[in-house]
Amino acid sequence: MLRQLLPLIAIIFVAWLLVLSGTVIIFGYIAHFNPAEGIISPLGVAVLKVVLGALLAVAWILILYFLTIWYVRRSIKPTS
């Protein structure tokens, strides 16, 4: 029984790590990202922050998607 639960526990652990690391990246780096004046306009900085946040979200979703595919392939065995 424990052998069947370990992959699910691993997925939950990875999901929590992704949430914590995503929070640190968003609020620690992306939110405080302000290049020197004159390099990028304030609108450009805002757009860059949105794009970086969206890229982080896409990476997060892809990691969880691949973990789900891995779990489904591992748990469903061929019947032949």
PDB file of N, CA and C in Angstrom:
ATOM      1  N   MET A   1       0.825  -1.197   0.000  1.00  0.00           N
ATOM      2  CA  MET A   1       0.000   0.000   0.000  1.00  0.00           C
ATOM      3  C   MET A   1       0.863   1.253   0.000  1.00  0.00           C
ATOM      4  N   LEU A   2       1.926   1.227   0.792  1.00  0.00           N
ATOM      5  CA  LEU A   2       2.808   2.387   0.840  1.00  0.00           C
ATOM      6  C   LEU A   2       3.472   2.628  -0.511  1.00  0.00           C
ATOM      7  N   ARG A   3       3.760   1.552  -1.219  1.00  0.00           N
ATOM      8  CA  ARG A   3       4.384   1.680  -2.537  1.00  0.00           C
ATOM      9  C   ARG A   3       3.466   2.425  -3.511  1.00  0.00           C
ATOM     10  N   GLN A   4       2.159   2.252  -3.354  1.00  0.00           N
ATOM     11  CA  GLN A   4       1.215   2.949  -4.221  1.00  0.00           C
ATOM     12  C   GLN A   4       1.052   4.408  -3.815  1.00  0.00           C
ATOM     13  N   LEU A   5       1.295   4.714  -2.550  1.00  0.00           N
ATOM     14  CA  LEU A   5       1.132   6.086  -2.069  1.00  0.00           C
ATOM     15  C   LEU A   5       2.365   6.956  -2.303  1.00  0.00           C
ATOM     16  N   LEU A   6       3.524   6.349  -2.403  1.00  0.00           N
ATOM     17  CA  LEU A   6       4.756   7.143  -2.549  1.00  0.00           C
ATOM     18  C   LEU A   6       4.756   8.077  -3.760  1.00  0.00           C
ATOM     19  N   PRO A   7       4.315   7.645  -4.951  1.00  0.00           N
ATOM     20  CA  PRO A   7       4.275   8.594  -6.073  1.00  0.00           C
ATOM     21  C   PRO A   7       3.330   9.773  -5.821  1.00  0.00           C
ATOM     22  N   LEU A   8       2.194   9.512  -5.181  1.00  0.00           N
ATOM     23  CA  LEU A   8       1.271  10.611  -4.881  1.00  0.00           C
ATOM     24  C   LEU A   8       1.864  11.566  -3.853  1.00  0.00           C
ATOM     25  N   ILE A   9       2.547  11.028  -2.864  1.00  0.00           N
ATOM     26  CA  ILE A   9       3.217  11.866  -1.876  1.00  0.00           C
ATOM     27  C   ILE A   9       4.300  12.708  -2.554  1.00  0.00           C
ATOM     28  N   ALA A  10       5.026  12.103  -3.494  1.00  0.00           N
ATOM     29  CA  ALA A  10       6.065  12.839  -4.226  1.00  0.00           C
ATOM     30  C   ALA A  10       5.453  13.970  -5.049  1.00  0.00           C
ATOM     31  N   ILE A  11       4.319  13.713  -5.686  1.00  0.00           N
ATOM     32  CA  ILE A  11       3.663  14.750  -6.486  1.00  0.00           C
ATOM     33  C   ILE A  11       3.207  15.900  -5.587  1.00  0.00           C
ATOM     34  N   ILE A  12       2.639  15.588  -4.446  1.00  0.00           N
ATOM     35  CA  ILE A  12       2.203  16.631  -3.513  1.00  0.00           C
ATOM     36  C   ILE A  12       3.407  17.415  -3.005  1.00  0.00           C
ATOM     37  N   PHE A  13       4.499  16.730  -2.703  1.00  0.00           N
ATOM     38  CA  PHE A  13       5.718  17.401  -2.241  1.00  0.00           C
ATOM     39  C   PHE A  13       6.268  18.346  -3.307  1.00  0.00           C
ATOM     40  N   VAL A  14       6.315  17.875  -4.539  1.00  0.00           N
ATOM     41  CA  VAL A  14       6.801  18.723  -5.643  1.00  0.00           C
ATOM     42  C   VAL A  14       5.870  19.904  -5.853  1.00  0.00           C
ATOM     43  N   ALA A  15       4.570  19.684  -5.744  1.00  0.00           N
ATOM     44  CA  ALA A  15       3.618  20.788  -5.906  1.00  0.00           C
ATOM     45  C   ALA A  15       3.833  21.854  -4.837  1.00  0.00           C
ATOM     46  N   TRP A  16       4.056  21.444  -3.595  1.00  0.00           N
ATOM     47  CA  TRP A  16       4.334  22.415  -2.532  1.00  0.00           C
ATOM     48  C   TRP A  16       5.640  23.148  -2.772  1.00  0.00           C
ATOM     49  N   LEU A  17       6.660  22.416  -3.229  1.00  0.00           N
ATOM     50  CA  LEU A  17       7.920  23.089  -3.560  1.00  0.00           C
ATOM     51  C   LEU A  17       7.728  24.112  -4.675  1.00  0.00           C
ATOM     52  N   LEU A  18       6.916  23.775  -5.664  1.00  0.00           N
ATOM     53  CA  LEU A  18       6.645  24.717  -6.752  1.00  0.00           C
ATOM     54  C   LEU A  18       5.895  25.946  -6.257  1.00  0.00           C
ATOM     55  N   VAL A  19       4.947  25.747  -5.367  1.00  0.00           N
ATOM     56  CA  VAL A  19       4.208  26.885  -4.819  1.00  0.00           C
ATOM     57  C   VAL A  19       5.142  27.786  -4.015  1.00  0.00           C
ATOM     58  N   LEU A  20       5.955  27.196  -3.166  1.00  0.00           N
ATOM     59  CA  LEU A  20       6.875  28.000  -2.352  1.00  0.00           C
ATOM     60  C   LEU A  20       7.923  28.705  -3.207  1.00  0.00           C
ATOM     61  N   SER A  21       8.522  27.976  -4.142  1.00  0.00           N
ATOM     62  CA  SER A  21       9.540  28.613  -4.981  1.00  0.00           C
ATOM     63  C   SER A  21       8.909  29.663  -5.898  1.00  0.00           C
ATOM     64  N   GLY A  22       7.707  29.403  -6.397  1.00  0.00           N
ATOM     65  CA  GLY A  22       7.034  30.400  -7.228  1.00  0.00           C
ATOM     66  C   GLY A  22       6.727  31.669  -6.460  1.00  0.00           C
ATOM     67  N   THR A  23       6.319  31.510  -5.199  1.00  0.00           N
ATOM     68  CA  THR A  23       6.055  32.682  -4.361  1.00  0.00           C
ATOM     69  C   THR A  23       7.317  33.486  -4.137  1.00  0.00           C
ATOM     70  N   VAL A  24       8.414  32.802  -3.855  1.00  0.00           N
ATOM     71  CA  VAL A  24       9.684  33.498  -3.640  1.00  0.00           C
ATOM     72  C   VAL A  24      10.132  34.204  -4.913  1.00  0.00           C
ATOM     73  N   ILE A  25      10.012  33.531  -6.046  1.00  0.00           N
ATOM     74  CA  ILE A  25      10.448  34.134  -7.307  1.00  0.00           C
ATOM     75  C   ILE A  25       9.578  35.345  -7.650  1.00  0.00           C
ATOM     76  N   ILE A  26       8.265  35.210  -7.505  1.00  0.00           N
ATOM     77  CA  ILE A  26       7.377  36.318  -7.874  1.00  0.00           C
ATOM     78  C   ILE A  26       7.562  37.507  -6.949  1.00  0.00           C
ATOM     79  N   PHE A  27       7.465  37.268  -5.627  1.00  0.00           N
ATOM     80  CA  PHE A  27       7.511  38.392  -4.693  1.00  0.00           C
ATOM     81  C   PHE A  27       8.930  38.804  -4.318  1.00  0.00           C
ATOM     82  N   GLY A  28       9.890  37.926  -4.507  1.00  0.00           N
ATOM     83  CA  GLY A  28      11.262  38.263  -4.163  1.00  0.00           C
ATOM     84  C   GLY A  28      12.055  38.869  -5.304  1.00  0.00           C
ATOM     85  N   TYR A  29      11.741  38.434  -6.532  1.00  0.00           N
ATOM     86  CA  TYR A  29      12.539  38.896  -7.662  1.00  0.00           C
ATOM     87  C   TYR A  29      11.731  39.685  -8.685  1.00  0.00           C
ATOM     88  N   ILE A  30      10.628  39.110  -9.165  1.00  0.00           N
ATOM     89  CA  ILE A  30       9.877  39.758 -10.238  1.00  0.00           C
ATOM     90  C   ILE A  30       9.221  41.047  -9.752  1.00  0.00           C
ATOM     91  N   ALA A  31       8.616  41.030  -8.577  1.00  0.00           N
ATOM     92  CA  ALA A  31       7.936  42.230  -8.079  1.00  0.00           C
ATOM     93  C   ALA A  31       8.914  43.363  -7.778  1.00  0.00           C
ATOM     94  N   HIS A  32      10.135  43.017  -7.384  1.00  0.00           N
ATOM     95  CA  HIS A  32      11.130  44.032  -7.047  1.00  0.00           C
ATOM     96  C   HIS A  32      12.043  44.382  -8.219  1.00  0.00           C
ATOM     97  N   PHE A  33      11.747  43.826  -9.381  1.00  0.00           N
ATOM     98  CA  PHE A  33      12.576  44.087 -10.558  1.00  0.00           C
ATOM     99  C   PHE A  33      12.298  45.487 -11.075  1.00  0.00           C
ATOM    100  N   ASN A  34      13.266  46.369 -10.940  1.00  0.00           N
ATOM    101  CA  ASN A  34      13.165  47.736 -11.446  1.00  0.00           C
ATOM    102  C   ASN A  34      14.509  48.135 -12.040  1.00  0.00           C
ATOM    103  N   PRO A  35      14.638  48.039 -13.362  1.00  0.00           N
ATOM    104  CA  PRO A  35      15.902  48.459 -13.976  1.00  0.00           C
ATOM    105  C   PRO A  35      16.089  49.973 -13.860  1.00  0.00           C
ATOM    106  N   ALA A  36      17.277  50.414 -14.142  1.00  0.00           N
ATOM    107  CA  ALA A  36      17.595  51.841 -14.042  1.00  0.00           C
ATOM    108  C   ALA A  36      16.688  52.657 -14.954  1.00  0.00           C
ATOM    109  N   GLU A  37      16.396  53.877 -14.522  1.00  0.00           N
ATOM    110  CA  GLU A  37      15.554  54.781 -15.312  1.00  0.00           C
ATOM    111  C   GLU A  37      16.186  55.025 -16.680  1.00  0.00           C
ATOM    112  N   GLY A  38      15.371  55.088 -17.680  1.00  0.00           N
ATOM    113  CA  GLY A  38      15.833  55.386 -19.025  1.00  0.00           C
ATOM    114  C   GLY A  38      16.104  54.157 -19.869  1.00  0.00           C
ATOM    115  N   ILE A  39      16.317  53.007 -19.235  1.00  0.00           N
ATOM    116  CA  ILE A  39      16.562  51.792 -20.016  1.00  0.00           C
ATOM    117  C   ILE A  39      15.249  51.277 -20.582  1.00  0.00           C
ATOM    118  N   ILE A  40      14.271  51.134 -19.716  1.00  0.00           N
ATOM    119  CA  ILE A  40      12.941  50.666 -20.119  1.00  0.00           C
ATOM    120  C   ILE A  40      11.913  51.607 -19.490  1.00  0.00           C
ATOM    121  N   SER A  41      10.882  51.920 -20.243  1.00  0.00           N
ATOM    122  CA  SER A  41       9.832  52.787 -19.705  1.00  0.00           C
ATOM    123  C   SER A  41       9.065  52.045 -18.607  1.00  0.00           C
ATOM    124  N   PRO A  42       8.339  52.774 -17.756  1.00  0.00           N
ATOM    125  CA  PRO A  42       7.543  52.093 -16.721  1.00  0.00           C
ATOM    126  C   PRO A  42       6.531  51.103 -17.299  1.00  0.00           C
ATOM    127  N   LEU A  43       5.970  51.420 -18.465  1.00  0.00           N
ATOM    128  CA  LEU A  43       5.059  50.483 -19.113  1.00  0.00           C
ATOM    129  C   LEU A  43       5.805  49.225 -19.553  1.00  0.00           C
ATOM    130  N   GLY A  44       7.007  49.399 -20.062  1.00  0.00           N
ATOM    131  CA  GLY A  44       7.820  48.252 -20.470  1.00  0.00           C
ATOM    132  C   GLY A  44       8.178  47.358 -19.292  1.00  0.00           C
ATOM    133  N   VAL A  45       8.478  47.973 -18.149  1.00  0.00           N
ATOM    134  CA  VAL A  45       8.788  47.199 -16.943  1.00  0.00           C
ATOM    135  C   VAL A  45       7.559  46.415 -16.502  1.00  0.00           C
ATOM    136  N   ALA A  46       6.385  47.048 -16.550  1.00  0.00           N
ATOM    137  CA  ALA A  46       5.149  46.372 -16.165  1.00  0.00           C
ATOM    138  C   ALA A  46       4.858  45.197 -17.097  1.00  0.00           C
ATOM    139  N   VAL A  47       5.041  45.397 -18.380  1.00  0.00           N
ATOM    140  CA  VAL A  47       4.811  44.325 -19.347  1.00  0.00           C
ATOM    141  C   VAL A  47       5.816  43.197 -19.128  1.00  0.00           C
ATOM    142  N   LEU A  48       7.062  43.542 -18.868  1.00  0.00           N
ATOM    143  CA  LEU A  48       8.093  42.535 -18.615  1.00  0.00           C
ATOM    144  C   LEU A  48       7.770  41.712 -17.372  1.00  0.00           C
ATOM    145  N   LYS A  49       7.267  42.363 -16.327  1.00  0.00           N
ATOM    146  CA  LYS A  49       6.888  41.644 -15.109  1.00  0.00           C
ATOM    147  C   LYS A  49       5.742  40.677 -15.382  1.00  0.00           C
ATOM    148  N   VAL A  50       4.770  41.109 -16.168  1.00  0.00           N
ATOM    149  CA  VAL A  50       3.644  40.236 -16.508  1.00  0.00           C
ATOM    150  C   VAL A  50       4.124  39.043 -17.332  1.00  0.00           C
ATOM    151  N   VAL A  51       5.004  39.289 -18.284  1.00  0.00           N
ATOM    152  CA  VAL A  51       5.522  38.211 -19.127  1.00  0.00           C
ATOM    153  C   VAL A  51       6.334  37.223 -18.290  1.00  0.00           C
ATOM    154  N   LEU A  52       7.183  37.722 -17.393  1.00  0.00           N
ATOM    155  CA  LEU A  52       7.965  36.830 -16.541  1.00  0.00           C
ATOM    156  C   LEU A  52       7.064  36.004 -15.624  1.00  0.00           C
ATOM    157  N   GLY A  53       6.041  36.620 -15.071  1.00  0.00           N
ATOM    158  CA  GLY A  53       5.090  35.885 -14.241  1.00  0.00           C
ATOM    159  C   GLY A  53       4.337  34.832 -15.033  1.00  0.00           C
ATOM    160  N   ALA A  54       3.952  35.167 -16.253  1.00  0.00           N
ATOM    161  CA  ALA A  54       3.243  34.213 -17.103  1.00  0.00           C
ATOM    162  C   ALA A  54       4.150  33.044 -17.492  1.00  0.00           C
ATOM    163  N   LEU A  55       5.410  33.326 -17.789  1.00  0.00           N
ATOM    164  CA  LEU A  55       6.355  32.253 -18.103  1.00  0.00           C
ATOM    165  C   LEU A  55       6.554  31.322 -16.907  1.00  0.00           C
ATOM    166  N   LEU A  56       6.610  31.892 -15.731  1.00  0.00           N
ATOM    167  CA  LEU A  56       6.724  31.087 -14.522  1.00  0.00           C
ATOM    168  C   LEU A  56       5.482  30.212 -14.347  1.00  0.00           C
ATOM    169  N   ALA A  57       4.314  30.764 -14.604  1.00  0.00           N
ATOM    170  CA  ALA A  57       3.071  29.994 -14.488  1.00  0.00           C
ATOM    171  C   ALA A  57       3.030  28.864 -15.510  1.00  0.00           C
ATOM    172  N   VAL A  58       3.456  29.132 -16.722  1.00  0.00           N
ATOM    173  CA  VAL A  58       3.470  28.094 -17.764  1.00  0.00           C
ATOM    174  C   VAL A  58       4.443  26.985 -17.382  1.00  0.00           C
ATOM    175  N   ALA A  59       5.618  27.354 -16.877  1.00  0.00           N
ATOM    176  CA  ALA A  59       6.585  26.340 -16.445  1.00  0.00           C
ATOM    177  C   ALA A  59       6.005  25.502 -15.305  1.00  0.00           C
ATOM    178  N   TRP A  60       5.329  26.137 -14.377  1.00  0.00           N
ATOM    179  CA  TRP A  60       4.719  25.443 -13.251  1.00  0.00           C
ATOM    180  C   TRP A  60       3.658  24.450 -13.730  1.00  0.00           C
ATOM    181  N   ILE A  61       2.812  24.882 -14.642  1.00  0.00           N
ATOM    182  CA  ILE A  61       1.763  24.009 -15.175  1.00  0.00           C
ATOM    183  C   ILE A  61       2.363  22.847 -15.955  1.00  0.00           C
ATOM    184  N   LEU A  62       3.412  23.097 -16.745  1.00  0.00           N
ATOM    185  CA  LEU A  62       4.050  22.022 -17.502  1.00  0.00           C
ATOM    186  C   LEU A  62       4.680  20.982 -16.580  1.00  0.00           C
ATOM    187  N   ILE A  63       5.326  21.431 -15.515  1.00  0.00           N
ATOM    188  CA  ILE A  63       5.933  20.485 -14.572  1.00  0.00           C
ATOM    189  C   ILE A  63       4.853  19.613 -13.947  1.00  0.00           C
ATOM    190  N   LEU A  64       3.755  20.211 -13.510  1.00  0.00           N
ATOM    191  CA  LEU A  64       2.672  19.424 -12.920  1.00  0.00           C
ATOM    192  C   LEU A  64       2.018  18.509 -13.960  1.00  0.00           C
ATOM    193  N   TYR A  65       1.914  18.949 -15.188  1.00  0.00           N
ATOM    194  CA  TYR A  65       1.352  18.113 -16.250  1.00  0.00           C
ATOM    195  C   TYR A  65       2.223  16.883 -16.487  1.00  0.00           C
ATOM    196  N   PHE A  66       3.538  17.074 -16.583  1.00  0.00           N
ATOM    197  CA  PHE A  66       4.434  15.941 -16.804  1.00  0.00           C
ATOM    198  C   PHE A  66       4.469  14.999 -15.606  1.00  0.00           C
ATOM    199  N   LEU A  67       4.344  15.535 -14.404  1.00  0.00           N
ATOM    200  CA  LEU A  67       4.237  14.667 -13.232  1.00  0.00           C
ATOM    201  C   LEU A  67       2.960  13.832 -13.288  1.00  0.00           C
ATOM    202  N   THR A  68       1.871  14.423 -13.730  1.00  0.00           N
ATOM    203  CA  THR A  68       0.611  13.695 -13.849  1.00  0.00           C
ATOM    204  C   THR A  68       0.716  12.603 -14.903  1.00  0.00           C
ATOM    205  N   ILE A  69       1.293  12.925 -16.045  1.00  0.00           N
ATOM    206  CA  ILE A  69       1.474  11.925 -17.107  1.00  0.00           C
ATOM    207  C   ILE A  69       2.351  10.785 -16.599  1.00  0.00           C
ATOM    208  N   TRP A  70       3.423  11.110 -15.891  1.00  0.00           N
ATOM    209  CA  TRP A  70       4.304  10.087 -15.330  1.00  0.00           C
ATOM    210  C   TRP A  70       3.540   9.180 -14.375  1.00  0.00           C
ATOM    211  N   TYR A  71       2.733   9.772 -13.508  1.00  0.00           N
ATOM    212  CA  TYR A  71       1.981   8.970 -12.540  1.00  0.00           C
ATOM    213  C   TYR A  71       0.956   8.075 -13.233  1.00  0.00           C
ATOM    214  N   VAL A  72       0.246   8.600 -14.214  1.00  0.00           N
ATOM    215  CA  VAL A  72      -0.774   7.816 -14.902  1.00  0.00           C
ATOM    216  C   VAL A  72      -0.125   6.656 -15.652  1.00  0.00           C
ATOM    217  N   ARG A  73       0.967   6.906 -16.339  1.00  0.00           N
ATOM    218  CA  ARG A  73       1.650   5.829 -17.060  1.00  0.00           C
ATOM    219  C   ARG A  73       2.214   4.783 -16.106  1.00  0.00           C
ATOM    220  N   ARG A  74       2.635   5.224 -14.952  1.00  0.00           N
ATOM    221  CA  ARG A  74       3.215   4.304 -13.970  1.00  0.00           C
ATOM    222  C   ARG A  74       2.126   3.474 -13.296  1.00  0.00           C
ATOM    223  N   SER A  75       0.986   4.070 -13.047  1.00  0.00           N
ATOM    224  CA  SER A  75      -0.048   3.373 -12.284  1.00  0.00           C
ATOM    225  C   SER A  75      -0.943   2.494 -13.151  1.00  0.00           C
ATOM    226  N   ILE A  76      -1.085   2.828 -14.435  1.00  0.00           N
ATOM    227  CA  ILE A  76      -1.911   2.024 -15.314  1.00  0.00           C
ATOM    228  C   ILE A  76      -0.979   1.059 -16.051  1.00  0.00           C
ATOM    229  N   LYS A  77      -1.128  -0.180 -15.738  1.00  0.00           N
ATOM    230  CA  LYS A  77      -0.287  -1.199 -16.348  1.00  0.00           C
ATOM    231  C   LYS A  77      -1.059  -1.890 -17.480  1.00  0.00           C
ATOM    232  N   PRO A  78      -0.358  -2.332 -18.521  1.00  0.00           N
ATOM    233  CA  PRO A  78      -1.055  -3.042 -19.622  1.00  0.00           C
ATOM    234  C   PRO A  78      -1.706  -4.324 -19.103  1.00  0.00           C
ATOM    235  N   THR A  79      -2.848  -4.652 -19.690  1.00  0.00           N
ATOM    236  CA  THR A  79      -3.589  -5.841 -19.249  1.00  0.00           C
ATOM    237  C   THR A  79      -3.136  -7.117 -19.953  1.00  0.00           C
ATOM    238  N   SER A  80      -2.314  -7.004 -20.970  1.00  0.00           N
ATOM    239  CA  SER A  80      -1.901  -8.210 -21.714  1.00  0.00           C
ATOM    240  C   SER A  80      -0.793  -8.970 -21.040  1.00  0.00           C
TER     241      SER A  80
END
